[in-house]
């Protein structure tokens, strides 16, 4: 079987089974495990899968550019956003990470909070929908995720302090922890968490069980995960929910 044929076979397995185990596929095809690993590395470099120990997982839907994510799991995101807003204490300082769920949260905020955010879209939504004090975190704006990052953002974040961070990630998995699709974004998220007394992760349905390329935090480094009360994903029972 040619490499191109193997890759299409691997992508079909990902679509059907939700994962590829290199050892099992190699045995099934009667070829070396190294050949399967090489194919998976090349597929990962093309952005078609996520490499994990022993095989690969599909690319999470939440890794798509922000404009494409707006229409994914909208009802689930709304329920998660409402549950998150209910955790906000009066007169507190909160950080709203970039993301489609935090964008929904920004339209539900009470008037007496201070909002820090690296997202221009979230900042504008908070300003237009409430009388909250809104403070933008500066930095270079990513065209993919529409969030600021880089050295200037790191310097800005180091001078902040917040009661709670509502963290957006693209993957939430009991084994692989919290992950995201961009390296700079992962660094920014860790910096935000370090400046917050509590960190809650926004876990809409499409993120539970997904794994992205870059680790953000382990599950024991956050205060809890806010999940959709209507999501029946069995992995939720393995997470510490809020």
Protein backbone atom coordinates (compact mmCIF):
# COMPACT_ATOMS: atom_id res chain seq x y z
CA UNK A 1 0.00 0.00 0.00
CA UNK A 2 1.37 3.41 -1.01
CA UNK A 3 1.85 6.16 1.56
CA UNK A 4 -1.04 8.21 0.13
CA UNK A 5 -3.33 5.19 0.40
CA UNK A 6 -2.23 4.52 3.97
CA UNK A 7 -2.94 8.12 4.92
CA UNK A 8 -6.46 7.97 3.52
CA UNK A 9 -6.97 4.71 5.40
CA UNK A 10 -5.78 6.39 8.60
CA UNK A 11 -8.11 9.35 8.08
CA UNK A 12 -11.02 6.94 7.50
CA UNK A 13 -10.19 5.19 10.79
CA UNK A 14 -10.10 8.54 12.59
CA UNK A 15 -13.52 9.42 11.21
CA UNK A 16 -15.00 6.03 12.10
CA UNK A 17 -13.35 5.27 15.45
CA UNK A 18 -12.30 8.69 16.77
CA UNK A 19 -8.70 7.53 17.21
CA UNK A 20 -5.84 5.62 15.55
CA UNK A 21 -3.60 3.20 17.46
CA UNK A 22 -0.38 2.88 15.46
CA UNK A 23 0.49 -0.60 16.68
CA UNK A 24 -2.93 -2.03 15.82
CA UNK A 25 -3.02 -0.46 12.35
CA UNK A 26 0.50 -1.67 11.57
CA UNK A 27 -0.46 -5.23 12.53
CA UNK A 28 -3.68 -5.04 10.51
CA UNK A 29 -1.85 -3.83 7.37
CA UNK A 30 1.18 -6.06 7.84
CA UNK A 31 3.68 -3.17 7.77
CA UNK A 32 6.07 -1.63 10.27
CA UNK A 33 4.84 0.56 13.09
CA UNK A 34 7.48 3.12 12.09
CA UNK A 35 5.74 3.54 8.72
CA UNK A 36 2.42 4.29 10.43
CA UNK A 37 4.08 6.72 12.83
CA UNK A 38 5.71 8.52 9.90
CA UNK A 39 2.37 8.79 8.12
CA UNK A 40 0.75 10.18 11.26
CA UNK A 41 3.53 12.73 11.72
CA UNK A 42 3.04 13.94 8.16
CA UNK A 43 -0.74 14.10 8.60
CA UNK A 44 -0.26 16.08 11.81
CA UNK A 45 2.10 18.49 10.01
CA UNK A 46 -0.65 19.01 7.44
CA UNK A 47 -3.11 19.81 10.24
CA UNK A 48 -5.27 16.74 9.57
CA UNK A 49 -4.83 14.99 12.93
CA UNK A 50 -3.36 15.45 16.41
CA UNK A 51 -0.46 13.18 17.36
CA UNK A 52 -0.65 11.56 20.80
CA UNK A 53 1.39 8.81 22.42
CA UNK A 54 0.79 5.58 20.50
CA UNK A 55 -1.28 7.07 17.69
CA UNK A 56 -3.46 10.03 16.78
CA UNK A 57 -6.77 11.77 17.46
CA UNK A 58 -8.99 13.93 15.21
CA UNK A 59 -8.47 17.69 15.02
CA UNK A 60 -11.04 19.26 17.38
CA UNK A 61 -13.83 21.32 15.84
CA UNK A 62 -12.90 24.09 18.28
CA UNK A 63 -9.50 24.45 16.59
CA UNK A 64 -11.14 26.06 13.54
CA UNK A 65 -10.73 29.82 12.96
CA UNK A 66 -12.95 31.91 15.20
CA UNK A 67 -15.40 32.86 12.43
CA UNK A 68 -16.09 29.17 11.74
CA UNK A 69 -16.51 28.32 15.44
CA UNK A 70 -19.40 30.74 15.94
CA UNK A 71 -21.90 28.20 14.61
CA UNK A 72 -20.60 25.14 16.51
CA UNK A 73 -22.55 23.81 19.54
CA UNK A 74 -24.27 27.17 20.06
CA UNK A 75 -26.93 25.89 22.48
CA UNK A 76 -24.32 24.10 24.58
CA UNK A 77 -22.15 27.22 24.71
CA UNK A 78 -25.12 29.30 25.82
CA UNK A 79 -25.86 26.95 28.72
CA UNK A 80 -22.20 26.90 29.77
CA UNK A 81 -22.01 30.70 29.54
CA UNK A 82 -25.07 31.14 31.78
CA UNK A 83 -23.65 28.74 34.36
CA UNK A 84 -20.34 30.63 34.30
CA UNK A 85 -21.96 34.04 34.78
CA UNK A 86 -23.79 32.65 37.82
CA UNK A 87 -20.38 32.10 39.47
CA UNK A 88 -19.35 35.76 39.21
CA UNK A 89 -19.28 37.44 42.63
CA UNK A 90 -20.46 41.07 43.04
CA UNK A 91 -17.84 43.77 42.42
CA UNK A 92 -15.19 41.22 41.39
CA UNK A 93 -12.42 41.49 38.82
CA UNK A 94 -12.71 38.80 36.19
CA UNK A 95 -10.68 37.74 33.16
CA UNK A 96 -12.63 36.63 30.12
CA UNK A 97 -10.37 34.65 27.81
CA UNK A 98 -10.93 34.82 24.06
CA UNK A 99 -13.49 32.43 22.61
CA UNK A 100 -17.03 32.02 21.42
CA UNK A 101 -18.35 31.03 24.87
CA UNK A 102 -16.75 34.03 26.59
CA UNK A 103 -18.26 36.18 23.85
CA UNK A 104 -21.68 34.95 24.95
CA UNK A 105 -20.75 35.57 28.60
CA UNK A 106 -19.75 39.15 27.76
CA UNK A 107 -23.34 39.86 26.73
CA UNK A 108 -24.68 38.65 30.11
CA UNK A 109 -22.40 40.41 32.60
CA UNK A 110 -23.56 42.32 35.69
CA UNK A 111 -22.76 46.02 35.79
CA UNK A 112 -20.55 46.03 38.88
CA UNK A 113 -17.59 43.95 37.66
CA UNK A 114 -14.22 44.79 36.15
CA UNK A 115 -13.46 42.78 33.02
CA UNK A 116 -9.95 42.09 31.77
CA UNK A 117 -9.65 40.42 28.37
CA UNK A 118 -7.16 39.73 25.57
CA UNK A 119 -10.02 39.62 23.05
CA UNK A 120 -11.20 42.77 21.21
CA UNK A 121 -14.52 41.08 20.39
CA UNK A 122 -15.16 40.17 24.02
CA UNK A 123 -14.19 43.68 25.16
CA UNK A 124 -16.63 45.32 22.74
CA UNK A 125 -19.45 42.93 23.67
CA UNK A 126 -18.94 43.62 27.38
CA UNK A 127 -18.87 47.37 26.79
CA UNK A 128 -22.01 47.35 24.64
CA UNK A 129 -24.04 45.01 26.89
CA UNK A 130 -23.23 46.23 30.39
CA UNK A 131 -21.79 49.09 32.43
CA UNK A 132 -18.86 46.92 33.51
CA UNK A 133 -15.39 48.44 33.56
CA UNK A 134 -13.52 46.92 30.61
CA UNK A 135 -9.72 46.74 30.39
CA UNK A 136 -8.03 45.43 27.25
CA UNK A 137 -4.81 43.40 27.51
CA UNK A 138 -2.43 44.59 24.82
CA UNK A 139 -0.31 42.55 22.41
CA UNK A 140 -0.08 41.21 18.88
CA UNK A 141 -3.44 40.15 17.48
CA UNK A 142 -3.66 36.62 16.04
CA UNK A 143 -5.55 36.44 12.76
CA UNK A 144 -6.57 32.84 13.49
CA UNK A 145 -8.00 33.21 16.99
CA UNK A 146 -8.52 37.01 17.19
CA UNK A 147 -6.73 37.13 20.56
CA UNK A 148 -3.63 39.07 21.60
CA UNK A 149 -0.39 37.35 22.52
CA UNK A 150 3.37 37.68 22.38
CA UNK A 151 5.91 39.43 24.58
CA UNK A 152 3.91 42.63 25.05
CA UNK A 153 0.89 40.62 26.21
CA UNK A 154 3.07 38.72 28.68
CA UNK A 155 4.35 41.99 30.16
CA UNK A 156 0.81 43.36 30.45
CA UNK A 157 -0.53 40.20 32.10
CA UNK A 158 2.30 40.15 34.65
CA UNK A 159 0.98 43.45 36.05
CA UNK A 160 -2.60 42.25 36.49
CA UNK A 161 -4.50 40.43 39.23
CA UNK A 162 -7.98 38.93 39.06
CA UNK A 163 -10.44 37.07 41.26
CA UNK A 164 -11.34 34.56 38.57
CA UNK A 165 -10.36 33.58 35.04
CA UNK A 166 -12.91 32.03 32.71
CA UNK A 167 -10.59 30.02 30.48
CA UNK A 168 -11.29 28.94 26.93
CA UNK A 169 -9.51 25.89 25.51
CA UNK A 170 -10.16 23.69 22.47
CA UNK A 171 -9.64 20.34 24.17
CA UNK A 172 -10.68 18.95 27.58
CA UNK A 173 -9.64 15.35 28.18
CA UNK A 174 -9.28 13.31 31.40
CA UNK A 175 -5.91 11.94 30.29
CA UNK A 176 -4.45 14.74 28.16
CA UNK A 177 -5.73 17.68 30.21
CA UNK A 178 -6.46 21.11 28.77
CA UNK A 179 -5.12 21.84 25.30
CA UNK A 180 -5.28 24.42 22.53
CA UNK A 181 -4.28 24.64 18.88
CA UNK A 182 -1.76 27.50 19.01
CA UNK A 183 1.51 27.60 20.94
CA UNK A 184 1.44 31.34 21.71
CA UNK A 185 -2.17 31.04 22.83
CA UNK A 186 -1.22 28.28 25.28
CA UNK A 187 1.49 30.49 26.79
CA UNK A 188 -0.93 33.41 27.16
CA UNK A 189 -3.55 31.21 28.83
CA UNK A 190 -1.04 29.93 31.40
CA UNK A 191 0.01 33.49 32.17
CA UNK A 192 -3.63 34.53 32.71
CA UNK A 193 -4.21 31.58 35.03
CA UNK A 194 -1.12 32.48 37.06
CA UNK A 195 -2.58 35.95 37.75
CA UNK A 196 -6.01 34.66 38.86
CA UNK A 197 -7.12 33.39 42.26
CA UNK A 198 -9.45 30.85 40.58
CA UNK A 199 -9.61 29.43 37.08
CA UNK A 200 -12.75 27.90 35.61
CA UNK A 201 -12.68 26.18 32.24
CA UNK A 202 -15.57 26.61 29.82
CA UNK A 203 -16.49 23.11 28.65
CA UNK A 204 -19.14 23.14 25.93
CA UNK A 205 -20.00 19.82 24.31
CA UNK A 206 -17.58 19.88 21.36
CA UNK A 207 -14.56 20.27 23.68
CA UNK A 208 -15.14 17.33 26.04
CA UNK A 209 -12.88 14.47 24.97
CA UNK A 210 -11.08 16.54 22.34
CA UNK A 211 -7.29 16.94 22.32
CA UNK A 212 -5.39 19.76 20.60
CA UNK A 213 -1.70 20.02 19.84
CA UNK A 214 -0.42 22.24 22.69
CA UNK A 215 -0.93 21.66 26.44
CA UNK A 216 -2.26 24.54 28.52
CA UNK A 217 -2.79 23.24 32.07
CA UNK A 218 -3.43 19.94 33.79
CA UNK A 219 -6.87 19.32 35.25
CA UNK A 220 -5.61 19.62 38.84
CA UNK A 221 -4.36 23.16 38.16
CA UNK A 222 -7.87 24.62 37.74
CA UNK A 223 -10.72 25.20 40.17
CA UNK A 224 -13.26 23.38 38.02
CA UNK A 225 -14.74 22.79 34.59
CA UNK A 226 -18.11 24.30 33.72
CA UNK A 227 -19.95 21.76 31.57
CA UNK A 228 -23.26 21.70 29.77
CA UNK A 229 -25.92 20.21 32.07
CA UNK A 230 -27.52 18.52 29.04
CA UNK A 231 -24.28 16.96 27.74
CA UNK A 232 -24.34 13.17 28.26
CA UNK A 233 -20.70 12.59 27.34
CA UNK A 234 -19.49 9.82 29.73
CA UNK A 235 -16.08 11.52 30.07
CA UNK A 236 -17.68 14.30 32.12
CA UNK A 237 -17.84 11.93 35.10
CA UNK A 238 -14.03 11.83 35.05
CA UNK A 239 -13.70 15.61 35.27
CA UNK A 240 -13.94 17.89 38.33
CA UNK A 241 -16.89 20.02 37.32
CA UNK A 242 -17.95 23.34 38.77
